[in-house]
Amino acid sequence: MQKVSFFNSIHVKLVLIYVLLIIIALQIIGLYFSKELEENLKMNFQDSIFQRIDLVQYSIREEMLKERDENSPSIGQSLSVIIREFATGDINEIRVIDDRNRVLATSDINNQSIVGQRGNHEIVNQSITAQTAIDKIVLDAETQKRVWILATPIFESVAPNGEILGTIYIESNIENVFDQVNDINRFFS
């Protein structure tokens, strides 16, 4: 009987096939896990922003509907105070835009020159037209980091069938979510 070399043995070939199948299965599971983790982290981030927006939207609505006299602060001053309280952490900037597309207030101290100007944001126009929240992830031209932009309408009443008073425009830093996913992917690779 002829002696079979170690690498020509059927047992070694079967073990190598099993090992390769296990490696391929682990790679597929890793890709699925990574994709699901990214989606889950994005949803958690967006949900936290939406929860904060619900609070700020109520305050903005009340301020926009409030009767004013000559002794009370202007609507822009009142709105600036409200949105600066909420523009912390992951939120880069909040703008309040009226139904005629005029910027009433912004939380960015360095961007106060746009207050009173007509905005020309496609996402704001879509939000007002569709009467629903519109969002997208874009790359910031200055920092080259991903930013989640959200435009959500402000209705006169809590019910969504009311008249639109304006829109809340938010830019938030979602790059941290992608950094977390990249860190986890590096750990598994």
N, C-alpha and C. Protein backbone atom coordinates (compact mmCIF):
# COMPACT_ATOMS: atom_id res chain seq x y z
N MET A 1 0.83 -1.17 0.00
CA MET A 1 0.00 0.00 0.00
C MET A 1 0.88 1.24 0.00
N GLN A 2 0.46 2.22 -0.82
CA GLN A 2 1.25 3.44 -0.95
C GLN A 2 0.91 4.39 0.18
N LYS A 3 1.93 5.06 0.64
CA LYS A 3 1.75 6.02 1.72
C LYS A 3 1.34 7.37 1.11
N VAL A 4 0.28 7.99 1.66
CA VAL A 4 -0.23 9.27 1.17
C VAL A 4 0.44 10.37 1.97
N SER A 5 0.87 11.42 1.24
CA SER A 5 1.50 12.53 1.97
C SER A 5 0.47 13.26 2.82
N PHE A 6 0.98 14.00 3.75
CA PHE A 6 0.12 14.68 4.74
C PHE A 6 -0.89 15.60 4.06
N PHE A 7 -0.46 16.40 3.07
CA PHE A 7 -1.34 17.37 2.45
C PHE A 7 -2.25 16.75 1.38
N ASN A 8 -1.96 15.56 0.99
CA ASN A 8 -2.83 14.87 0.03
C ASN A 8 -3.88 14.03 0.74
N SER A 9 -3.82 13.95 2.03
CA SER A 9 -4.76 13.16 2.81
C SER A 9 -6.16 13.78 2.76
N ILE A 10 -7.16 12.95 2.65
CA ILE A 10 -8.55 13.43 2.60
C ILE A 10 -8.96 14.07 3.92
N HIS A 11 -8.41 13.62 5.03
CA HIS A 11 -8.74 14.19 6.34
C HIS A 11 -8.28 15.64 6.45
N VAL A 12 -7.10 15.90 5.98
CA VAL A 12 -6.57 17.27 6.03
C VAL A 12 -7.40 18.18 5.13
N LYS A 13 -7.77 17.68 3.96
CA LYS A 13 -8.58 18.48 3.05
C LYS A 13 -9.95 18.79 3.66
N LEU A 14 -10.54 17.82 4.32
CA LEU A 14 -11.83 18.06 4.97
C LEU A 14 -11.71 19.09 6.10
N VAL A 15 -10.67 19.00 6.88
CA VAL A 15 -10.45 19.95 7.96
C VAL A 15 -10.25 21.35 7.39
N LEU A 16 -9.46 21.47 6.32
CA LEU A 16 -9.23 22.77 5.70
C LEU A 16 -10.53 23.35 5.14
N ILE A 17 -11.36 22.52 4.54
CA ILE A 17 -12.65 22.98 4.02
C ILE A 17 -13.52 23.48 5.16
N TYR A 18 -13.58 22.74 6.27
CA TYR A 18 -14.37 23.17 7.42
C TYR A 18 -13.86 24.49 8.01
N VAL A 19 -12.56 24.62 8.10
CA VAL A 19 -11.97 25.85 8.63
C VAL A 19 -12.31 27.03 7.72
N LEU A 20 -12.19 26.84 6.41
CA LEU A 20 -12.53 27.91 5.46
C LEU A 20 -14.02 28.26 5.53
N LEU A 21 -14.87 27.27 5.67
CA LEU A 21 -16.30 27.54 5.80
C LEU A 21 -16.61 28.32 7.08
N ILE A 22 -15.93 27.98 8.15
CA ILE A 22 -16.12 28.71 9.42
C ILE A 22 -15.65 30.15 9.28
N ILE A 23 -14.52 30.36 8.63
CA ILE A 23 -14.00 31.72 8.43
C ILE A 23 -14.97 32.53 7.57
N ILE A 24 -15.47 31.94 6.49
CA ILE A 24 -16.43 32.63 5.63
C ILE A 24 -17.70 32.95 6.40
N ALA A 25 -18.19 32.01 7.19
CA ALA A 25 -19.40 32.25 7.98
C ALA A 25 -19.18 33.37 8.99
N LEU A 26 -18.02 33.40 9.62
CA LEU A 26 -17.72 34.47 10.59
C LEU A 26 -17.66 35.83 9.89
N GLN A 27 -17.12 35.88 8.69
CA GLN A 27 -17.07 37.14 7.94
C GLN A 27 -18.47 37.63 7.60
N ILE A 28 -19.33 36.71 7.17
CA ILE A 28 -20.71 37.08 6.83
C ILE A 28 -21.45 37.55 8.07
N ILE A 29 -21.29 36.85 9.17
CA ILE A 29 -21.93 37.25 10.43
C ILE A 29 -21.39 38.60 10.88
N GLY A 30 -20.09 38.82 10.72
CA GLY A 30 -19.48 40.10 11.09
C GLY A 30 -20.03 41.25 10.27
N LEU A 31 -20.20 41.04 8.96
CA LEU A 31 -20.77 42.08 8.11
C LEU A 31 -22.20 42.40 8.52
N TYR A 32 -22.98 41.37 8.77
CA TYR A 32 -24.36 41.57 9.20
C TYR A 32 -24.41 42.31 10.53
N PHE A 33 -23.57 41.88 11.48
CA PHE A 33 -23.52 42.52 12.79
C PHE A 33 -23.12 43.99 12.65
N SER A 34 -22.13 44.27 11.82
CA SER A 34 -21.66 45.64 11.63
C SER A 34 -22.75 46.51 11.04
N LYS A 35 -23.45 46.01 10.04
CA LYS A 35 -24.53 46.78 9.40
C LYS A 35 -25.66 47.03 10.38
N GLU A 36 -26.06 46.02 11.13
CA GLU A 36 -27.14 46.17 12.12
C GLU A 36 -26.72 47.12 13.24
N LEU A 37 -25.47 47.03 13.66
CA LEU A 37 -24.97 47.93 14.71
C LEU A 37 -24.99 49.37 14.23
N GLU A 38 -24.56 49.61 13.00
CA GLU A 38 -24.57 50.96 12.45
C GLU A 38 -26.00 51.51 12.40
N GLU A 39 -26.93 50.71 11.91
CA GLU A 39 -28.33 51.14 11.83
C GLU A 39 -28.90 51.43 13.22
N ASN A 40 -28.58 50.56 14.17
CA ASN A 40 -29.07 50.73 15.54
C ASN A 40 -28.51 51.99 16.18
N LEU A 41 -27.22 52.25 16.01
CA LEU A 41 -26.61 53.45 16.58
C LEU A 41 -27.17 54.71 15.92
N LYS A 42 -27.38 54.68 14.60
CA LYS A 42 -27.98 55.83 13.91
C LYS A 42 -29.40 56.09 14.42
N MET A 43 -30.19 55.02 14.57
CA MET A 43 -31.57 55.18 15.05
C MET A 43 -31.59 55.73 16.48
N ASN A 44 -30.71 55.25 17.34
CA ASN A 44 -30.65 55.77 18.71
C ASN A 44 -30.27 57.25 18.72
N PHE A 45 -29.30 57.62 17.90
CA PHE A 45 -28.89 59.02 17.81
C PHE A 45 -30.05 59.89 17.33
N GLN A 46 -30.71 59.45 16.27
CA GLN A 46 -31.81 60.23 15.71
C GLN A 46 -32.99 60.29 16.67
N ASP A 47 -33.26 59.20 17.37
CA ASP A 47 -34.35 59.22 18.36
C ASP A 47 -34.07 60.21 19.48
N SER A 48 -32.81 60.29 19.92
CA SER A 48 -32.49 61.24 20.99
C SER A 48 -32.67 62.68 20.51
N ILE A 49 -32.33 62.96 19.26
CA ILE A 49 -32.53 64.30 18.70
C ILE A 49 -34.03 64.59 18.58
N PHE A 50 -34.80 63.61 18.08
CA PHE A 50 -36.25 63.80 17.95
C PHE A 50 -36.91 64.08 19.30
N GLN A 51 -36.45 63.40 20.35
CA GLN A 51 -37.03 63.65 21.68
C GLN A 51 -36.74 65.07 22.13
N ARG A 52 -35.54 65.54 21.89
CA ARG A 52 -35.22 66.93 22.26
C ARG A 52 -36.01 67.92 21.42
N ILE A 53 -36.21 67.59 20.15
CA ILE A 53 -36.95 68.48 19.26
C ILE A 53 -38.40 68.59 19.68
N ASP A 54 -38.98 67.51 20.17
CA ASP A 54 -40.36 67.58 20.64
C ASP A 54 -40.50 68.63 21.74
N LEU A 55 -39.51 68.67 22.63
CA LEU A 55 -39.54 69.66 23.71
C LEU A 55 -39.35 71.08 23.19
N VAL A 56 -38.36 71.26 22.32
CA VAL A 56 -38.08 72.61 21.82
C VAL A 56 -39.21 73.08 20.89
N GLN A 57 -39.83 72.16 20.18
CA GLN A 57 -40.92 72.54 19.28
C GLN A 57 -42.10 73.13 20.06
N TYR A 58 -42.41 72.53 21.19
CA TYR A 58 -43.50 73.06 22.03
C TYR A 58 -43.17 74.48 22.48
N SER A 59 -41.95 74.70 22.97
CA SER A 59 -41.55 76.03 23.45
C SER A 59 -41.56 77.05 22.32
N ILE A 60 -41.10 76.65 21.14
CA ILE A 60 -41.08 77.56 20.00
C ILE A 60 -42.50 77.91 19.57
N ARG A 61 -43.37 76.91 19.52
CA ARG A 61 -44.76 77.16 19.14
C ARG A 61 -45.41 78.16 20.08
N GLU A 62 -45.22 77.96 21.37
CA GLU A 62 -45.81 78.87 22.36
C GLU A 62 -45.27 80.29 22.20
N GLU A 63 -43.98 80.39 21.90
CA GLU A 63 -43.37 81.72 21.75
C GLU A 63 -43.84 82.40 20.47
N MET A 64 -44.04 81.64 19.41
CA MET A 64 -44.50 82.22 18.15
C MET A 64 -45.96 82.67 18.21
N LEU A 65 -46.76 81.99 19.04
CA LEU A 65 -48.18 82.33 19.16
C LEU A 65 -48.45 83.37 20.25
N LYS A 66 -47.45 83.69 21.01
CA LYS A 66 -47.59 84.61 22.14
C LYS A 66 -47.87 86.04 21.66
N GLU A 67 -48.79 86.69 22.36
CA GLU A 67 -49.08 88.10 22.08
C GLU A 67 -47.92 88.95 22.60
N ARG A 68 -47.50 89.94 21.83
CA ARG A 68 -46.37 90.78 22.21
C ARG A 68 -46.81 92.24 22.31
N ASP A 69 -46.18 92.92 23.26
CA ASP A 69 -46.36 94.37 23.34
C ASP A 69 -44.98 95.01 23.22
N GLU A 70 -44.91 96.33 23.32
CA GLU A 70 -43.63 97.01 23.12
C GLU A 70 -42.62 96.72 24.23
N ASN A 71 -43.06 96.26 25.40
CA ASN A 71 -42.15 95.97 26.51
C ASN A 71 -41.57 94.55 26.46
N SER A 72 -42.19 93.67 25.73
CA SER A 72 -41.70 92.29 25.68
C SER A 72 -40.58 92.17 24.63
N PRO A 73 -39.68 91.22 24.84
CA PRO A 73 -38.58 91.04 23.88
C PRO A 73 -39.12 90.61 22.52
N SER A 74 -38.33 90.85 21.48
CA SER A 74 -38.76 90.47 20.13
C SER A 74 -38.83 88.95 20.01
N ILE A 75 -39.52 88.50 18.99
CA ILE A 75 -39.65 87.06 18.78
C ILE A 75 -38.29 86.42 18.53
N GLY A 76 -37.42 87.12 17.82
CA GLY A 76 -36.08 86.60 17.55
C GLY A 76 -35.27 86.41 18.82
N GLN A 77 -35.34 87.39 19.73
CA GLN A 77 -34.60 87.29 20.99
C GLN A 77 -35.14 86.14 21.84
N SER A 78 -36.45 86.03 21.91
CA SER A 78 -37.05 84.95 22.71
C SER A 78 -36.71 83.59 22.14
N LEU A 79 -36.78 83.45 20.82
CA LEU A 79 -36.46 82.17 20.20
C LEU A 79 -34.99 81.82 20.34
N SER A 80 -34.12 82.82 20.28
CA SER A 80 -32.68 82.57 20.44
C SER A 80 -32.37 81.98 21.80
N VAL A 81 -33.02 82.51 22.83
CA VAL A 81 -32.80 81.99 24.19
C VAL A 81 -33.25 80.53 24.26
N ILE A 82 -34.39 80.23 23.68
CA ILE A 82 -34.92 78.87 23.74
C ILE A 82 -34.01 77.88 23.01
N ILE A 83 -33.63 78.21 21.80
CA ILE A 83 -32.87 77.23 21.02
C ILE A 83 -31.42 77.09 21.48
N ARG A 84 -30.86 78.12 22.10
CA ARG A 84 -29.49 77.98 22.63
C ARG A 84 -29.44 76.98 23.78
N GLU A 85 -30.53 76.86 24.52
CA GLU A 85 -30.58 75.89 25.61
C GLU A 85 -30.55 74.47 25.07
N PHE A 86 -31.12 74.25 23.90
CA PHE A 86 -31.23 72.91 23.35
C PHE A 86 -30.07 72.55 22.42
N ALA A 87 -29.33 73.53 21.94
CA ALA A 87 -28.22 73.28 21.01
C ALA A 87 -26.95 72.95 21.78
N THR A 88 -26.92 71.78 22.35
CA THR A 88 -25.76 71.33 23.11
C THR A 88 -25.35 69.95 22.64
N GLY A 89 -24.13 69.59 22.95
CA GLY A 89 -23.66 68.23 22.66
C GLY A 89 -23.59 67.94 21.17
N ASP A 90 -24.45 67.04 20.72
CA ASP A 90 -24.41 66.58 19.35
C ASP A 90 -25.03 67.55 18.35
N ILE A 91 -25.79 68.52 18.82
CA ILE A 91 -26.46 69.45 17.92
C ILE A 91 -25.52 70.63 17.65
N ASN A 92 -25.19 70.81 16.37
CA ASN A 92 -24.31 71.91 15.97
C ASN A 92 -25.06 73.24 15.91
N GLU A 93 -26.26 73.19 15.32
CA GLU A 93 -27.01 74.43 15.13
C GLU A 93 -28.49 74.12 15.01
N ILE A 94 -29.30 75.01 15.58
CA ILE A 94 -30.75 74.97 15.40
C ILE A 94 -31.16 76.32 14.84
N ARG A 95 -32.01 76.28 13.82
CA ARG A 95 -32.56 77.51 13.26
C ARG A 95 -34.08 77.42 13.29
N VAL A 96 -34.71 78.54 13.56
CA VAL A 96 -36.16 78.64 13.45
C VAL A 96 -36.45 79.48 12.23
N ILE A 97 -37.20 78.90 11.30
CA ILE A 97 -37.51 79.55 10.03
C ILE A 97 -39.02 79.67 9.92
N ASP A 98 -39.52 80.86 9.58
CA ASP A 98 -40.97 81.03 9.51
C ASP A 98 -41.52 80.46 8.21
N ASP A 99 -42.84 80.56 8.04
CA ASP A 99 -43.49 79.95 6.88
C ASP A 99 -43.16 80.66 5.57
N ARG A 100 -42.56 81.83 5.63
CA ARG A 100 -42.12 82.55 4.42
C ARG A 100 -40.63 82.35 4.16
N ASN A 101 -40.05 81.38 4.84
CA ASN A 101 -38.65 80.98 4.65
C ASN A 101 -37.66 82.03 5.16
N ARG A 102 -38.06 82.83 6.14
CA ARG A 102 -37.19 83.84 6.74
C ARG A 102 -36.65 83.29 8.06
N VAL A 103 -35.34 83.38 8.27
CA VAL A 103 -34.71 82.88 9.48
C VAL A 103 -35.05 83.81 10.64
N LEU A 104 -35.72 83.27 11.66
CA LEU A 104 -36.09 84.07 12.83
C LEU A 104 -35.02 84.05 13.91
N ALA A 105 -34.34 82.91 14.05
CA ALA A 105 -33.31 82.78 15.08
C ALA A 105 -32.39 81.61 14.74
N THR A 106 -31.16 81.71 15.23
CA THR A 106 -30.20 80.62 15.10
C THR A 106 -29.44 80.48 16.41
N SER A 107 -29.06 79.25 16.71
CA SER A 107 -28.31 79.02 17.96
C SER A 107 -26.82 79.26 17.78
N ASP A 108 -26.35 79.36 16.54
CA ASP A 108 -24.94 79.56 16.26
C ASP A 108 -24.59 81.04 16.40
N ILE A 109 -23.80 81.36 17.41
CA ILE A 109 -23.43 82.74 17.68
C ILE A 109 -22.65 83.35 16.52
N ASN A 110 -21.86 82.54 15.83
CA ASN A 110 -21.05 83.03 14.71
C ASN A 110 -21.84 83.18 13.42
N ASN A 111 -23.11 82.79 13.42
CA ASN A 111 -23.91 82.81 12.21
C ASN A 111 -25.13 83.71 12.36
N GLN A 112 -25.05 84.72 13.20
CA GLN A 112 -26.19 85.60 13.47
C GLN A 112 -26.54 86.50 12.29
N SER A 113 -25.65 86.61 11.31
CA SER A 113 -25.94 87.47 10.16
C SER A 113 -27.07 86.93 9.30
N ILE A 114 -27.42 85.66 9.43
CA ILE A 114 -28.51 85.10 8.61
C ILE A 114 -29.88 85.39 9.20
N VAL A 115 -29.93 85.86 10.45
CA VAL A 115 -31.22 86.16 11.08
C VAL A 115 -31.88 87.31 10.32
N GLY A 116 -33.12 87.11 9.94
CA GLY A 116 -33.86 88.09 9.17
C GLY A 116 -33.74 87.88 7.66
N GLN A 117 -32.79 87.06 7.25
CA GLN A 117 -32.59 86.78 5.83
C GLN A 117 -33.51 85.64 5.39
N ARG A 118 -33.80 85.63 4.10
CA ARG A 118 -34.56 84.51 3.55
C ARG A 118 -33.60 83.35 3.33
N GLY A 119 -33.98 82.20 3.85
CA GLY A 119 -33.18 81.00 3.66
C GLY A 119 -33.52 80.34 2.34
N ASN A 120 -32.61 79.57 1.84
CA ASN A 120 -32.86 78.88 0.59
C ASN A 120 -32.44 77.42 0.72
N HIS A 121 -32.98 76.76 1.72
CA HIS A 121 -32.67 75.36 1.95
C HIS A 121 -33.74 74.49 1.33
N GLU A 122 -33.32 73.61 0.46
CA GLU A 122 -34.25 72.71 -0.21
C GLU A 122 -34.99 71.84 0.80
N ILE A 123 -34.28 71.39 1.83
CA ILE A 123 -34.89 70.50 2.83
C ILE A 123 -35.98 71.23 3.62
N VAL A 124 -35.81 72.53 3.85
CA VAL A 124 -36.84 73.31 4.56
C VAL A 124 -38.08 73.44 3.68
N ASN A 125 -37.86 73.73 2.41
CA ASN A 125 -39.00 73.84 1.48
C ASN A 125 -39.75 72.51 1.38
N GLN A 126 -39.02 71.41 1.33
CA GLN A 126 -39.65 70.09 1.27
C GLN A 126 -40.46 69.82 2.53
N SER A 127 -39.92 70.20 3.67
CA SER A 127 -40.60 69.97 4.94
C SER A 127 -41.91 70.76 5.02
N ILE A 128 -41.88 72.01 4.58
CA ILE A 128 -43.08 72.83 4.61
C ILE A 128 -44.11 72.31 3.61
N THR A 129 -43.66 71.95 2.42
CA THR A 129 -44.57 71.46 1.39
C THR A 129 -45.20 70.13 1.78
N ALA A 130 -44.37 69.21 2.27
CA ALA A 130 -44.86 67.87 2.63
C ALA A 130 -45.53 67.86 4.00
N GLN A 131 -45.33 68.90 4.79
CA GLN A 131 -45.86 69.01 6.15
C GLN A 131 -45.42 67.83 7.02
N THR A 132 -44.17 67.46 6.87
CA THR A 132 -43.59 66.37 7.64
C THR A 132 -42.09 66.61 7.82
N ALA A 133 -41.49 65.88 8.72
CA ALA A 133 -40.05 66.00 8.95
C ALA A 133 -39.29 65.37 7.80
N ILE A 134 -38.26 66.06 7.34
CA ILE A 134 -37.39 65.59 6.26
C ILE A 134 -35.97 65.60 6.81
N ASP A 135 -35.22 64.54 6.53
CA ASP A 135 -33.84 64.48 7.02
C ASP A 135 -32.93 63.87 5.97
N LYS A 136 -31.64 64.16 6.13
CA LYS A 136 -30.62 63.56 5.27
C LYS A 136 -29.26 63.71 5.93
N ILE A 137 -28.34 62.85 5.54
CA ILE A 137 -26.97 62.91 6.04
C ILE A 137 -26.11 63.47 4.91
N VAL A 138 -25.38 64.54 5.22
CA VAL A 138 -24.52 65.19 4.23
C VAL A 138 -23.11 65.33 4.78
N LEU A 139 -22.18 65.65 3.91
CA LEU A 139 -20.80 65.89 4.31
C LEU A 139 -20.59 67.38 4.46
N ASP A 140 -20.14 67.82 5.64
CA ASP A 140 -19.88 69.23 5.89
C ASP A 140 -18.68 69.67 5.06
N ALA A 141 -18.84 70.75 4.31
CA ALA A 141 -17.79 71.24 3.42
C ALA A 141 -16.55 71.68 4.18
N GLU A 142 -16.73 72.28 5.36
CA GLU A 142 -15.59 72.79 6.13
C GLU A 142 -14.84 71.69 6.85
N THR A 143 -15.56 70.87 7.61
CA THR A 143 -14.92 69.88 8.47
C THR A 143 -14.73 68.52 7.82
N GLN A 144 -15.40 68.29 6.68
CA GLN A 144 -15.38 67.00 5.99
C GLN A 144 -15.90 65.86 6.89
N LYS A 145 -16.84 66.20 7.76
CA LYS A 145 -17.47 65.21 8.63
C LYS A 145 -18.95 65.12 8.28
N ARG A 146 -19.53 63.96 8.57
CA ARG A 146 -20.94 63.77 8.28
C ARG A 146 -21.81 64.53 9.27
N VAL A 147 -22.86 65.15 8.73
CA VAL A 147 -23.80 65.93 9.52
C VAL A 147 -25.21 65.45 9.17
N TRP A 148 -26.01 65.24 10.20
CA TRP A 148 -27.41 64.86 9.98
C TRP A 148 -28.23 66.14 10.01
N ILE A 149 -28.94 66.41 8.91
CA ILE A 149 -29.77 67.60 8.80
C ILE A 149 -31.22 67.17 8.90
N LEU A 150 -31.97 67.88 9.74
CA LEU A 150 -33.38 67.59 9.95
C LEU A 150 -34.16 68.89 9.87
N ALA A 151 -35.24 68.86 9.11
CA ALA A 151 -36.16 69.99 9.05
C ALA A 151 -37.53 69.45 9.42
N THR A 152 -38.09 69.99 10.48
CA THR A 152 -39.40 69.53 10.94
C THR A 152 -40.33 70.72 11.09
N PRO A 153 -41.55 70.61 10.57
CA PRO A 153 -42.46 71.75 10.61
C PRO A 153 -42.99 72.03 12.01
N ILE A 154 -43.30 73.30 12.24
CA ILE A 154 -43.93 73.73 13.50
C ILE A 154 -45.39 74.05 13.15
N PHE A 155 -46.29 73.29 13.75
CA PHE A 155 -47.72 73.50 13.50
C PHE A 155 -48.32 74.41 14.55
N GLU A 156 -49.38 75.11 14.16
CA GLU A 156 -50.07 76.03 15.07
C GLU A 156 -50.66 75.30 16.26
N SER A 157 -51.11 74.08 16.04
CA SER A 157 -51.65 73.26 17.12
C SER A 157 -50.86 71.97 17.18
N VAL A 158 -51.10 71.18 18.21
CA VAL A 158 -50.37 69.92 18.37
C VAL A 158 -50.74 68.95 17.25
N ALA A 159 -51.97 68.99 16.80
CA ALA A 159 -52.40 68.12 15.70
C ALA A 159 -51.70 68.52 14.42
N PRO A 160 -51.23 67.58 13.62
CA PRO A 160 -50.48 67.92 12.41
C PRO A 160 -51.31 68.53 11.30
N ASN A 161 -52.61 68.65 11.47
CA ASN A 161 -53.45 69.23 10.42
C ASN A 161 -53.58 70.74 10.55
N GLY A 162 -52.94 71.33 11.54
CA GLY A 162 -53.03 72.78 11.74
C GLY A 162 -52.19 73.54 10.73
N GLU A 163 -52.27 74.85 10.84
CA GLU A 163 -51.50 75.73 9.97
C GLU A 163 -50.02 75.67 10.36
N ILE A 164 -49.15 75.72 9.36
CA ILE A 164 -47.71 75.67 9.60
C ILE A 164 -47.22 77.08 9.94
N LEU A 165 -46.56 77.19 11.11
CA LEU A 165 -45.98 78.46 11.53
C LEU A 165 -44.57 78.63 10.97
N GLY A 166 -43.89 77.53 10.77
CA GLY A 166 -42.51 77.58 10.30
C GLY A 166 -41.87 76.22 10.38
N THR A 167 -40.55 76.22 10.44
CA THR A 167 -39.78 74.98 10.46
C THR A 167 -38.62 75.12 11.43
N ILE A 168 -38.30 74.01 12.07
CA ILE A 168 -37.07 73.93 12.86
C ILE A 168 -36.05 73.20 12.00
N TYR A 169 -34.92 73.84 11.77
CA TYR A 169 -33.83 73.28 10.97
C TYR A 169 -32.69 72.94 11.93
N ILE A 170 -32.25 71.70 11.89
CA ILE A 170 -31.22 71.25 12.84
C ILE A 170 -30.07 70.60 12.08
N GLU A 171 -28.86 70.97 12.47
CA GLU A 171 -27.66 70.29 12.00
C GLU A 171 -27.02 69.63 13.21
N SER A 172 -26.85 68.31 13.15
CA SER A 172 -26.26 67.60 14.27
C SER A 172 -25.10 66.73 13.80
N ASN A 173 -24.15 66.54 14.68
CA ASN A 173 -22.91 65.83 14.38
C ASN A 173 -23.12 64.33 14.54
N ILE A 174 -23.36 63.65 13.42
CA ILE A 174 -23.57 62.20 13.46
C ILE A 174 -22.27 61.45 13.20
N GLU A 175 -21.19 62.17 12.97
CA GLU A 175 -19.89 61.54 12.70
C GLU A 175 -19.45 60.65 13.86
N ASN A 176 -19.81 61.02 15.10
CA ASN A 176 -19.43 60.21 16.26
C ASN A 176 -20.00 58.80 16.17
N VAL A 177 -21.19 58.66 15.61
CA VAL A 177 -21.81 57.34 15.45
C VAL A 177 -20.96 56.50 14.50
N PHE A 178 -20.56 57.08 13.39
CA PHE A 178 -19.75 56.33 12.43
C PHE A 178 -18.36 56.03 12.99
N ASP A 179 -17.82 56.92 13.82
CA ASP A 179 -16.54 56.65 14.48
C ASP A 179 -16.65 55.45 15.41
N GLN A 180 -17.76 55.35 16.15
CA GLN A 180 -17.97 54.20 17.03
C GLN A 180 -18.03 52.91 16.23
N VAL A 181 -18.74 52.92 15.12
CA VAL A 181 -18.84 51.73 14.27
C VAL A 181 -17.47 51.35 13.73
N ASN A 182 -16.69 52.33 13.29
CA ASN A 182 -15.35 52.05 12.79
C ASN A 182 -14.45 51.46 13.88
N ASP A 183 -14.56 51.99 15.10
CA ASP A 183 -13.77 51.44 16.21
C ASP A 183 -14.14 49.99 16.47
N ILE A 184 -15.41 49.69 16.46
CA ILE A 184 -15.86 48.31 16.69
C ILE A 184 -15.41 47.41 15.55
N ASN A 185 -15.51 47.90 14.32
CA ASN A 185 -15.05 47.09 13.17
C ASN A 185 -13.56 46.81 13.24
N ARG A 186 -12.77 47.79 13.68
CA ARG A 186 -11.33 47.58 13.83
C ARG A 186 -11.06 46.53 14.90
N PHE A 187 -11.88 46.50 15.92
CA PHE A 187 -11.71 45.53 16.99
C PHE A 187 -11.93 44.11 16.47
N PHE A 188 -12.91 43.94 15.59
CA PHE A 188 -13.23 42.60 15.08
C PHE A 188 -12.34 42.17 13.93
N SER A 189 -11.64 43.11 13.30
CA SER A 189 -10.81 42.69 12.15
C SER A 189 -9.42 42.33 12.54
